[in-house]
Amino acid sequence: MPTGSAAAALMAKFGVVPSRGAYAYLQSSAMGGYGSALVRGVTRAGSGVFEASQWLNSYLHGREPSKADNTAVGERPQEGGVEADEPAEMKAKL
């Protein structure tokens, strides 16, 4: 059994690593080479698919995305029960 990383053991079992193969692309990406663009593109595409599935799920089930401040979408945040952009005179009357 060869010593070293699991990837080295796997490649020792399979033999020669083909150039521009999956292993070569991942190794190149780890070193900032030609594989970086491919791995970055696949990661972005996967993220886009995940975001689209989350949006579709919330759309189909009629739920609004959760907000940290618990304000509904389209509402302005309020401070002390009075809207933040009202004049000072209005605040004094309340």
Protein backbone atom coordinates (compact mmCIF):
# COMPACT_ATOMS: atom_id res chain seq x y z
CA MET A 1 0.00 0.00 0.00
CA PRO A 2 1.48 3.36 -1.00
CA THR A 3 1.88 6.03 1.64
CA GLY A 4 0.72 9.61 1.19
CA SER A 5 -2.61 11.14 0.32
CA ALA A 6 -5.70 9.25 -0.71
CA ALA A 7 -5.45 10.86 -4.16
CA ALA A 8 -1.90 9.58 -4.58
CA ALA A 9 -3.00 6.08 -3.57
CA LEU A 10 -5.89 6.22 -6.03
CA MET A 11 -3.65 7.35 -8.88
CA ALA A 12 -1.11 4.65 -8.02
CA LYS A 13 -3.86 2.07 -8.40
CA PHE A 14 -5.12 3.42 -11.74
CA GLY A 15 -1.73 4.14 -13.22
CA VAL A 16 -0.95 7.03 -15.54
CA VAL A 17 -2.87 10.26 -15.05
CA PRO A 18 -4.21 11.50 -18.40
CA SER A 19 -3.42 15.10 -19.24
CA ARG A 20 -6.49 17.36 -19.18
CA GLY A 21 -8.37 14.66 -17.27
CA ALA A 22 -10.54 15.29 -14.22
CA TYR A 23 -7.68 14.71 -11.77
CA ALA A 24 -5.38 16.99 -13.75
CA TYR A 25 -8.00 19.77 -13.83
CA LEU A 26 -8.56 19.56 -10.08
CA GLN A 27 -4.82 19.56 -9.37
CA SER A 28 -4.35 22.51 -11.72
CA SER A 29 -7.19 24.38 -10.05
CA ALA A 30 -5.65 23.82 -6.63
CA MET A 31 -2.43 25.39 -7.91
CA GLY A 32 -4.19 28.29 -9.68
CA GLY A 33 -3.61 26.98 -13.19
CA TYR A 34 -5.82 26.29 -16.20
CA GLY A 35 -8.34 24.30 -14.13
CA SER A 36 -9.28 27.32 -11.99
CA ALA A 37 -11.66 28.81 -14.54
CA LEU A 38 -13.50 25.53 -15.04
CA VAL A 39 -13.87 24.79 -11.34
CA ARG A 40 -14.97 28.38 -10.63
CA GLY A 41 -17.55 28.20 -13.44
CA VAL A 42 -18.95 24.89 -12.21
CA THR A 43 -19.17 26.29 -8.68
CA ARG A 44 -21.01 29.41 -9.85
CA ALA A 45 -23.41 27.37 -11.97
CA GLY A 46 -24.15 25.09 -9.03
CA SER A 47 -24.78 28.10 -6.81
CA GLY A 48 -27.15 29.58 -9.40
CA VAL A 49 -29.10 26.35 -9.67
CA PHE A 50 -29.37 26.16 -5.87
CA GLU A 51 -30.60 29.77 -5.62
CA ALA A 52 -33.13 29.21 -8.40
CA SER A 53 -34.46 26.11 -6.68
CA GLN A 54 -34.82 28.02 -3.40
CA TRP A 55 -36.70 30.82 -5.14
CA LEU A 56 -38.97 28.37 -6.96
CA ASN A 57 -39.70 26.54 -3.71
CA SER A 58 -40.69 29.77 -1.93
CA TYR A 59 -42.73 30.90 -4.96
CA LEU A 60 -44.68 27.65 -5.20
CA HIS A 61 -45.39 27.51 -1.48
CA GLY A 62 -46.32 31.20 -1.20
CA ARG A 63 -43.72 32.08 1.42
CA GLU A 64 -41.78 35.32 1.56
CA PRO A 65 -38.05 35.12 2.14
CA SER A 66 -37.26 35.61 5.82
CA LYS A 67 -35.75 38.89 6.90
CA ALA A 68 -33.51 39.48 9.89
CA ASP A 69 -35.59 42.46 11.07
CA ASN A 70 -38.97 40.72 10.44
CA THR A 71 -40.30 43.48 8.16
CA ALA A 72 -42.42 42.40 5.24
CA VAL A 73 -41.16 42.92 1.74
CA GLY A 74 -41.94 46.47 0.59
CA GLU A 75 -42.53 47.90 4.06
CA ARG A 76 -40.38 50.56 5.61
CA PRO A 77 -38.79 49.84 8.98
CA GLN A 78 -40.32 51.71 11.89
CA GLU A 79 -38.66 53.07 14.98
CA GLY A 80 -40.73 53.43 18.11
CA GLY A 81 -44.03 52.89 16.29
CA VAL A 82 -43.58 55.96 14.03
CA GLU A 83 -42.25 55.75 10.51
CA ALA A 84 -38.69 56.99 10.23
CA ASP A 85 -39.33 59.59 7.51
CA GLU A 86 -42.22 61.49 9.18
CA PRO A 87 -41.60 65.10 10.26
CA ALA A 88 -40.70 65.87 13.86
CA GLU A 89 -44.04 67.67 14.46
CA MET A 90 -45.94 64.46 13.70
CA LYS A 91 -43.79 62.55 16.15
CA ALA A 92 -44.42 65.15 18.86
CA LYS A 93 -48.24 64.83 18.44
CA LEU A 94 -48.11 61.13 19.09
